[in-house]
């Protein structure tokens, strides 16, 4: 079993700490909390929220739109390796059933969310419809922790859950890019992003390897790695991020086009595998260097986004919760069964079809990405706060998962 325990505990604890502080602060002194969140770092800045003819860089923008790009880059790195490398977790028949289950785990919540919203009337539907993607998210870290508690570290369902969660993240990144632009679209600016990614790949990755062809010592590639390191990719990342921002796409995704251009290992060891610590390729070295900074970023993300007053609970809260806690397990079960049974793709040895229900409940913990999507789907106000509260309440899925595990007689496998 892949050893992701240290990764998820480090990331989770700081994120939880930030979220708890935010909740307490917002419910004790909401005015000072919101003043802190929207603190102006630089007015009339070259980057930031655009209003009244100029851009303003706030603390909220710094964390959500700039620094969270590092978090999404790490997620994208794992997705990229899982898809493209030899033995990647999302390659081949072994990934087919988890991918089907992932689709169900997104279609189910969307159907429940929009269906119930329509039943509540046109006014409610129109107010909340843009948040349809909020309940599609699965928080990798928290879902893994709960999955480990329910199934045990050695159960094949835990690996299945990890595959589902990483595929869910990949789909979430696509949804953010396509359906939630950050402003008026100006596609011409994507040429800057495209140029940065192509340029850095050919000049600092492909060309040195081309010069080294037939030479096992690889002097040019080695010189590039030792002397320049990540610097060319940092510059390209900044250009790509700026191109995304000016194009109107969410800039937190700005580093994604650069991730595939970085020299990487020739095979995957698994999602957040401990073996990656010993890898010397530049992509893994960058990920390790980002580990602690991203932990701090996630603390501030929780602090700046989870501060919701309890009186903000509303229709969007229950719709997000229903999408996650009802839609996720139903969707995962139906599509997982379809793949495993009628389509003949099977499920991992040692898993039962009924385990898909429990996996569905575990994956209903949306938290991090659900909070992020809620922040971009709605303007600041009561509907956004209500949707965020639904994302926070999705932690209830942890308790439901434990009960479901016992109800369906899950046999823990700790080795």
Protein backbone atom coordinates (compact mmCIF):
# COMPACT_ATOMS: atom_id res chain seq x y z
CA UNK A 1 0.00 0.00 0.00
CA UNK A 2 1.32 3.42 -0.89
CA UNK A 3 2.53 5.33 2.15
CA UNK A 4 0.68 8.62 2.01
CA UNK A 5 0.07 8.86 5.76
CA UNK A 6 2.70 11.54 6.44
CA UNK A 7 1.61 13.55 3.42
CA UNK A 8 -2.06 13.68 4.30
CA UNK A 9 -1.60 14.22 8.03
CA UNK A 10 0.76 17.15 7.48
CA UNK A 11 -1.51 18.77 4.92
CA UNK A 12 -4.71 17.99 6.81
CA UNK A 13 -3.77 19.23 10.26
CA UNK A 14 -2.74 22.70 9.14
CA UNK A 15 -5.77 23.02 6.87
CA UNK A 16 -8.10 21.98 9.70
CA UNK A 17 -6.38 24.40 12.09
CA UNK A 18 -6.90 27.29 9.67
CA UNK A 19 -10.55 26.35 9.11
CA UNK A 20 -11.31 26.07 12.84
CA UNK A 21 -9.70 29.42 13.59
CA UNK A 22 -11.69 30.98 10.74
CA UNK A 23 -15.01 29.57 11.99
CA UNK A 24 -14.41 30.76 15.54
CA UNK A 25 -13.19 34.20 14.42
CA UNK A 26 -16.08 34.78 11.97
CA UNK A 27 -18.68 33.88 14.59
CA UNK A 28 -17.09 36.03 17.30
CA UNK A 29 -16.23 39.14 15.27
CA UNK A 30 -17.38 38.85 11.66
CA UNK A 31 -16.42 42.42 10.73
CA UNK A 32 -12.77 42.08 11.74
CA UNK A 33 -12.56 38.67 10.06
CA UNK A 34 -13.87 39.95 6.71
CA UNK A 35 -11.65 43.03 6.97
CA UNK A 36 -8.69 40.66 7.41
CA UNK A 37 -9.72 38.51 4.43
CA UNK A 38 -10.06 41.49 2.10
CA UNK A 39 -7.00 43.32 3.42
CA UNK A 40 -5.51 45.38 0.58
CA UNK A 41 -1.85 44.56 -0.07
CA UNK A 42 -1.44 46.70 -3.20
CA UNK A 43 -3.99 48.98 -4.81
CA UNK A 44 -3.64 49.73 -8.55
CA UNK A 45 -1.50 46.59 -8.86
CA UNK A 46 -0.61 44.75 -12.09
CA UNK A 47 -2.37 41.65 -10.73
CA UNK A 48 -5.41 41.13 -8.55
CA UNK A 49 -9.18 41.60 -8.60
CA UNK A 50 -10.27 43.91 -11.40
CA UNK A 51 -12.87 46.54 -10.54
CA UNK A 52 -13.42 50.24 -11.13
CA UNK A 53 -10.87 50.23 -13.92
CA UNK A 54 -7.88 48.91 -11.96
CA UNK A 55 -6.60 45.81 -10.18
CA UNK A 56 -6.28 45.40 -6.43
CA UNK A 57 -4.14 42.72 -4.80
CA UNK A 58 -5.85 41.55 -1.60
CA UNK A 59 -4.81 38.91 0.89
CA UNK A 60 -7.66 36.69 -0.34
CA UNK A 61 -6.46 37.00 -3.95
CA UNK A 62 -2.87 36.31 -2.93
CA UNK A 63 -3.83 33.01 -1.32
CA UNK A 64 -6.70 31.77 -3.53
CA UNK A 65 -5.48 32.89 -6.94
CA UNK A 66 -1.69 32.95 -6.62
CA UNK A 67 -0.43 30.66 -3.86
CA UNK A 68 -3.08 27.96 -4.36
CA UNK A 69 -1.55 27.50 -7.82
CA UNK A 70 1.22 25.60 -5.99
CA UNK A 71 -1.33 23.22 -4.46
CA UNK A 72 -3.00 22.56 -7.81
CA UNK A 73 0.42 22.06 -9.40
CA UNK A 74 1.17 19.25 -6.95
CA UNK A 75 -2.23 17.67 -7.66
CA UNK A 76 -1.57 18.02 -11.39
CA UNK A 77 1.84 16.38 -11.00
CA UNK A 78 0.26 13.29 -9.47
CA UNK A 79 -2.44 13.19 -12.17
CA UNK A 80 0.17 13.63 -14.93
CA UNK A 81 2.35 10.80 -13.66
CA UNK A 82 -0.65 8.53 -13.08
CA UNK A 83 -1.79 9.02 -16.69
CA UNK A 84 1.43 9.26 -18.72
CA UNK A 85 4.12 7.17 -17.04
CA UNK A 86 4.77 3.44 -17.19
CA UNK A 87 2.79 1.67 -14.45
CA UNK A 88 0.76 4.85 -13.90
CA UNK A 89 -2.22 4.26 -11.63
CA UNK A 90 -4.72 5.66 -14.13
CA UNK A 91 -3.49 3.62 -17.09
CA UNK A 92 -4.89 0.42 -18.48
CA UNK A 93 -7.74 -1.83 -17.46
CA UNK A 94 -6.95 -1.61 -13.73
CA UNK A 95 -8.07 2.02 -13.76
CA UNK A 96 -11.23 1.51 -15.82
CA UNK A 97 -13.65 0.73 -12.98
CA UNK A 98 -12.35 3.54 -10.69
CA UNK A 99 -12.71 5.96 -13.62
CA UNK A 100 -16.30 4.84 -14.21
CA UNK A 101 -16.96 5.22 -10.49
CA UNK A 102 -15.42 8.70 -10.60
CA UNK A 103 -17.82 9.70 -13.37
CA UNK A 104 -20.72 8.37 -11.31
CA UNK A 105 -19.38 10.19 -8.26
CA UNK A 106 -19.70 13.45 -10.19
CA UNK A 107 -22.91 12.79 -12.15
CA UNK A 108 -24.77 11.68 -9.00
CA UNK A 109 -24.08 14.86 -6.96
CA UNK A 110 -24.86 17.15 -9.92
CA UNK A 111 -28.19 15.36 -10.51
CA UNK A 112 -29.18 15.50 -6.84
CA UNK A 113 -28.07 19.14 -6.43
CA UNK A 114 -29.85 20.50 -9.50
CA UNK A 115 -32.86 18.19 -9.14
CA UNK A 116 -33.58 19.24 -5.56
CA UNK A 117 -32.90 22.88 -6.43
CA UNK A 118 -35.54 22.67 -9.18
CA UNK A 119 -38.04 21.20 -6.70
CA UNK A 120 -37.48 24.20 -4.41
CA UNK A 121 -38.68 26.56 -7.11
CA UNK A 122 -37.28 28.75 -9.86
CA UNK A 123 -36.05 31.49 -7.52
CA UNK A 124 -33.94 29.04 -5.52
CA UNK A 125 -32.77 27.24 -8.65
CA UNK A 126 -31.62 30.45 -10.31
CA UNK A 127 -29.79 31.52 -7.14
CA UNK A 128 -27.87 28.29 -6.63
CA UNK A 129 -27.59 26.70 -10.09
CA UNK A 130 -24.07 27.97 -10.77
CA UNK A 131 -22.82 25.95 -7.80
CA UNK A 132 -23.57 22.59 -9.41
CA UNK A 133 -19.87 21.61 -9.29
CA UNK A 134 -19.43 22.27 -5.55
CA UNK A 135 -20.61 18.78 -4.46
CA UNK A 136 -18.60 16.95 -7.15
CA UNK A 137 -15.28 17.35 -5.31
CA UNK A 138 -13.46 14.72 -3.26
CA UNK A 139 -10.82 15.81 -0.76
CA UNK A 140 -7.94 13.38 -1.31
CA UNK A 141 -6.28 13.84 2.07
CA UNK A 142 -9.33 13.56 4.32
CA UNK A 143 -10.92 10.80 2.24
CA UNK A 144 -7.73 8.75 2.52
CA UNK A 145 -7.59 9.19 6.29
CA UNK A 146 -11.20 8.07 6.71
CA UNK A 147 -10.81 5.26 4.16
CA UNK A 148 -7.85 3.96 6.13
CA UNK A 149 -9.91 3.99 9.34
CA UNK A 150 -12.84 2.15 7.73
CA UNK A 151 -11.05 -0.39 5.52
CA UNK A 152 -7.56 -0.64 7.03
CA UNK A 153 -4.36 0.36 5.23
CA UNK A 154 -4.04 -2.93 3.31
CA UNK A 155 -7.56 -3.17 1.89
CA UNK A 156 -7.79 -2.90 -1.94
CA UNK A 157 -10.70 -0.49 -1.47
CA UNK A 158 -8.25 2.14 -0.15
CA UNK A 159 -6.22 2.06 -3.37
CA UNK A 160 -9.48 2.15 -5.35
CA UNK A 161 -10.47 5.22 -3.33
CA UNK A 162 -7.15 6.93 -4.09
CA UNK A 163 -7.57 6.31 -7.82
CA UNK A 164 -11.10 7.69 -7.67
CA UNK A 165 -9.98 10.77 -5.72
CA UNK A 166 -7.08 11.64 -8.01
CA UNK A 167 -9.29 11.19 -11.10
CA UNK A 168 -11.91 13.35 -9.40
CA UNK A 169 -9.28 16.06 -8.88
CA UNK A 170 -8.32 15.88 -12.55
CA UNK A 171 -11.94 16.33 -13.58
CA UNK A 172 -12.30 19.15 -11.05
CA UNK A 173 -9.38 21.02 -12.63
CA UNK A 174 -11.05 20.72 -16.03
CA UNK A 175 -14.37 21.96 -14.62
CA UNK A 176 -12.67 24.96 -13.02
CA UNK A 177 -10.92 25.87 -16.26
CA UNK A 178 -13.96 25.44 -18.53
CA UNK A 179 -16.97 26.47 -16.46
CA UNK A 180 -15.62 29.00 -13.96
CA UNK A 181 -13.62 31.73 -15.71
CA UNK A 182 -12.38 34.47 -13.40
CA UNK A 183 -13.38 37.33 -15.68
CA UNK A 184 -14.15 38.32 -19.25
CA UNK A 185 -12.49 35.86 -21.60
CA UNK A 186 -9.55 37.12 -23.67
CA UNK A 187 -8.21 33.92 -25.30
CA UNK A 188 -5.36 35.71 -27.08
CA UNK A 189 -3.52 35.83 -23.74
CA UNK A 190 -3.37 32.03 -23.75
CA UNK A 191 -0.69 32.41 -26.41
CA UNK A 192 1.59 33.62 -23.61
CA UNK A 193 0.78 30.51 -21.56
CA UNK A 194 1.24 28.25 -24.58
CA UNK A 195 4.49 29.96 -25.58
CA UNK A 196 5.90 29.70 -22.06
CA UNK A 197 5.16 25.97 -21.80
CA UNK A 198 6.40 25.07 -25.29
CA UNK A 199 9.46 27.30 -25.00
CA UNK A 200 10.63 25.98 -21.64
CA UNK A 201 10.08 22.38 -22.74
CA UNK A 202 12.09 22.63 -25.95
CA UNK A 203 14.89 24.85 -24.64
CA UNK A 204 15.48 23.29 -21.22
CA UNK A 205 14.13 19.72 -21.50
CA UNK A 206 14.03 18.39 -25.07
CA UNK A 207 17.06 20.21 -26.54
CA UNK A 208 19.60 19.11 -23.85
CA UNK A 209 18.39 15.52 -24.23
CA UNK A 210 18.70 15.85 -28.01
CA UNK A 211 22.33 17.00 -27.63
CA UNK A 212 22.98 14.08 -25.27
CA UNK A 213 21.60 11.40 -27.58
CA UNK A 214 23.91 8.36 -27.58
CA UNK A 215 25.89 9.67 -24.60
CA UNK A 216 25.04 7.84 -21.38
CA UNK A 217 26.76 10.51 -19.27
CA UNK A 218 24.18 13.08 -20.46
CA UNK A 219 26.43 16.11 -19.83
CA UNK A 220 24.06 18.76 -21.18
CA UNK A 221 21.02 17.53 -19.27
CA UNK A 222 23.10 17.19 -16.11
CA UNK A 223 24.49 20.71 -16.47
CA UNK A 224 21.00 22.08 -17.02
CA UNK A 225 19.67 20.31 -13.92
CA UNK A 226 22.59 21.26 -11.63
CA UNK A 227 23.23 24.83 -12.78
CA UNK A 228 19.75 26.10 -13.65
CA UNK A 229 17.53 23.70 -11.69
CA UNK A 230 13.97 24.88 -11.47
CA UNK A 231 14.69 28.52 -12.44
CA UNK A 232 13.57 28.26 -16.11
CA UNK A 233 10.35 26.57 -14.99
CA UNK A 234 9.76 29.24 -12.34
CA UNK A 235 9.99 31.94 -14.99
CA UNK A 236 7.77 29.94 -17.35
CA UNK A 237 5.30 29.34 -14.51
CA UNK A 238 5.03 33.07 -13.81
CA UNK A 239 4.42 33.79 -17.50
CA UNK A 240 1.88 30.98 -17.76
CA UNK A 241 0.07 32.20 -14.64
CA UNK A 242 -0.08 35.76 -15.96
CA UNK A 243 -1.38 34.55 -19.32
CA UNK A 244 -4.14 32.57 -17.59
CA UNK A 245 -5.10 35.57 -15.46
CA UNK A 246 -5.29 37.95 -18.42
CA UNK A 247 -7.14 35.33 -20.49
CA UNK A 248 -9.92 35.26 -17.88
CA UNK A 249 -9.34 31.66 -16.77
CA UNK A 250 -8.86 30.99 -13.10
CA UNK A 251 -5.20 31.84 -12.41
CA UNK A 252 -4.89 29.17 -9.69
CA UNK A 253 -4.63 26.78 -12.63
CA UNK A 254 -1.81 28.82 -14.16
CA UNK A 255 0.98 26.33 -13.41
CA UNK A 256 -0.79 23.32 -14.90
CA UNK A 257 0.58 23.77 -18.45
CA UNK A 258 4.14 23.89 -17.06
CA UNK A 259 4.00 20.65 -15.02
CA UNK A 260 4.22 18.29 -18.05
CA UNK A 261 7.25 20.20 -19.40
CA UNK A 262 9.46 19.47 -16.37
CA UNK A 263 11.88 16.48 -16.61
CA UNK A 264 10.28 13.61 -14.73
CA UNK A 265 10.85 9.98 -13.77
CA UNK A 266 10.28 7.28 -16.38
CA UNK A 267 7.82 5.33 -14.27
CA UNK A 268 5.25 5.99 -11.57
CA UNK A 269 5.53 4.55 -8.06
CA UNK A 270 1.99 5.37 -7.02
CA UNK A 271 0.03 8.35 -5.80
CA UNK A 272 2.18 10.21 -3.26
CA UNK A 273 4.39 7.12 -2.96
CA UNK A 274 7.15 7.16 -0.34
CA UNK A 275 9.56 5.86 -3.00
CA UNK A 276 9.44 9.25 -4.70
CA UNK A 277 11.60 10.64 -1.89
CA UNK A 278 14.55 8.87 -3.48
CA UNK A 279 13.87 10.13 -7.00
CA UNK A 280 16.35 12.67 -8.41
CA UNK A 281 14.31 13.89 -11.39
CA UNK A 282 13.53 17.59 -11.32
CA UNK A 283 9.75 17.20 -11.08
CA UNK A 284 9.94 15.14 -7.88
CA UNK A 285 12.60 17.48 -6.42
CA UNK A 286 10.31 20.46 -7.04
CA UNK A 287 7.39 18.67 -5.40
CA UNK A 288 9.49 17.91 -2.32
CA UNK A 289 10.67 21.54 -2.16
CA UNK A 290 7.06 22.73 -2.30
CA UNK A 291 5.81 20.41 0.44
CA UNK A 292 6.22 22.70 3.44
CA UNK A 293 5.31 25.95 1.63
CA UNK A 294 2.07 24.34 0.42
CA UNK A 295 1.25 23.19 3.96
CA UNK A 296 1.42 26.83 5.03
CA UNK A 297 -0.62 27.91 1.99
CA UNK A 298 -3.35 25.42 2.93
CA UNK A 299 -3.43 26.79 6.47
CA UNK A 300 -4.11 30.27 5.09
CA UNK A 301 -6.57 28.86 2.55
CA UNK A 302 -8.58 27.38 5.41
CA UNK A 303 -8.24 30.59 7.40
CA UNK A 304 -9.41 32.85 4.56
CA UNK A 305 -12.19 30.65 3.16
CA UNK A 306 -13.81 28.71 6.01
CA UNK A 307 -14.86 31.73 8.06
CA UNK A 308 -18.63 31.38 7.68
CA UNK A 309 -21.18 32.55 10.22
CA UNK A 310 -23.50 29.78 11.38
CA UNK A 311 -26.52 31.90 10.56
CA UNK A 312 -25.46 31.64 6.89
CA UNK A 313 -26.94 28.13 6.68
CA UNK A 314 -29.43 28.10 3.83
CA UNK A 315 -30.74 26.18 0.83
CA UNK A 316 -27.29 25.92 -0.77
CA UNK A 317 -25.97 24.25 2.41
CA UNK A 318 -28.44 21.40 2.23
CA UNK A 319 -28.16 21.08 -1.54
CA UNK A 320 -24.36 20.70 -1.35
CA UNK A 321 -24.70 18.21 1.49
CA UNK A 322 -27.38 16.21 -0.31
CA UNK A 323 -25.27 16.15 -3.47
CA UNK A 324 -22.29 14.83 -1.56
CA UNK A 325 -23.87 12.45 0.96
CA UNK A 326 -26.62 11.07 -1.31
CA UNK A 327 -25.33 11.68 -4.82
CA UNK A 328 -21.77 10.44 -4.28
CA UNK A 329 -22.50 6.93 -2.92
CA UNK A 330 -25.39 6.38 -5.35
CA UNK A 331 -23.33 7.50 -8.33
CA UNK A 332 -20.23 5.55 -7.31
CA UNK A 333 -22.29 2.39 -6.71
CA UNK A 334 -24.28 2.57 -9.95
CA UNK A 335 -21.39 3.36 -12.27
CA UNK A 336 -18.94 1.12 -10.41
CA UNK A 337 -21.39 -1.79 -10.65
CA UNK A 338 -21.97 -1.05 -14.34
CA UNK A 339 -18.24 -1.20 -15.03
CA UNK A 340 -17.57 -4.24 -12.85
CA UNK A 341 -20.60 -6.28 -13.89
CA UNK A 342 -22.33 -5.63 -17.24
CA UNK A 343 -19.21 -4.16 -18.88
CA UNK A 344 -17.01 -6.94 -17.50
CA UNK A 345 -14.20 -4.68 -16.27
CA UNK A 346 -14.19 -6.23 -12.80
CA UNK A 347 -13.11 -4.86 -9.44
CA UNK A 348 -9.88 -5.44 -7.50
CA UNK A 349 -9.49 -8.85 -5.87
CA UNK A 350 -10.64 -8.70 -2.26
CA UNK A 351 -13.28 -6.01 -2.90
CA UNK A 352 -17.03 -6.51 -2.97
CA UNK A 353 -19.61 -4.53 -4.93
CA UNK A 354 -21.15 -3.41 -1.64
CA UNK A 355 -17.82 -1.80 -0.72
CA UNK A 356 -18.55 0.75 -3.44
CA UNK A 357 -21.30 2.21 -1.24
CA UNK A 358 -18.85 2.77 1.60
CA UNK A 359 -16.28 4.21 -0.82
CA UNK A 360 -19.00 6.57 -2.04
CA UNK A 361 -19.62 7.84 1.49
CA UNK A 362 -15.90 8.26 2.13
CA UNK A 363 -15.45 10.22 -1.11
CA UNK A 364 -18.31 12.52 -0.07
CA UNK A 365 -15.87 14.54 2.04
CA UNK A 366 -15.53 17.55 -0.27
CA UNK A 367 -13.91 20.18 1.96
CA UNK A 368 -10.84 21.72 0.27
CA UNK A 369 -11.84 21.68 -3.40
CA UNK A 370 -15.54 22.17 -2.57
CA UNK A 371 -14.62 25.30 -0.62
CA UNK A 372 -12.53 26.51 -3.53
CA UNK A 373 -15.28 25.92 -6.10
CA UNK A 374 -17.87 27.61 -3.86
CA UNK A 375 -15.61 30.67 -3.67
CA UNK A 376 -15.44 30.95 -7.47
CA UNK A 377 -18.99 29.79 -8.31
CA UNK A 378 -20.76 32.50 -6.31
CA UNK A 379 -20.15 36.15 -5.59
CA UNK A 380 -19.38 36.95 -1.95
CA UNK A 381 -22.62 36.92 -0.03
CA UNK A 382 -25.20 34.67 1.64
CA UNK A 383 -25.40 32.05 -1.14
CA UNK A 384 -21.62 31.62 -1.23
CA UNK A 385 -21.49 31.38 2.57
CA UNK A 386 -24.30 28.80 2.59
CA UNK A 387 -22.49 26.69 -0.03
CA UNK A 388 -19.25 26.91 1.95
CA UNK A 389 -21.10 25.71 5.04
CA UNK A 390 -22.23 22.68 3.05
CA UNK A 391 -18.61 21.96 2.15
CA UNK A 392 -17.62 22.21 5.82
CA UNK A 393 -20.52 20.02 6.94
CA UNK A 394 -19.40 17.34 4.47
CA UNK A 395 -17.14 16.13 7.28
CA UNK A 396 -20.30 14.37 8.49
CA UNK A 397 -19.58 11.85 5.73
CA UNK A 398 -16.70 10.57 7.88
CA UNK A 399 -19.07 9.41 10.62
CA UNK A 400 -21.53 8.02 8.09
CA UNK A 401 -18.68 6.08 6.44
CA UNK A 402 -17.71 4.42 9.72
CA UNK A 403 -21.35 3.43 10.37
CA UNK A 404 -21.74 2.18 6.79
CA UNK A 405 -18.55 0.13 7.13
CA UNK A 406 -19.97 -1.68 10.12
CA UNK A 407 -23.43 -2.02 8.58
CA UNK A 408 -22.02 -3.64 5.43
CA UNK A 409 -19.56 -5.75 7.44
CA UNK A 410 -16.35 -4.38 5.98
CA UNK A 411 -13.42 -6.62 6.94
CA UNK A 412 -10.49 -4.40 7.85
CA UNK A 413 -7.14 -5.33 6.31
CA UNK A 414 -4.30 -3.58 8.07
CA UNK A 415 -1.45 -5.22 6.20
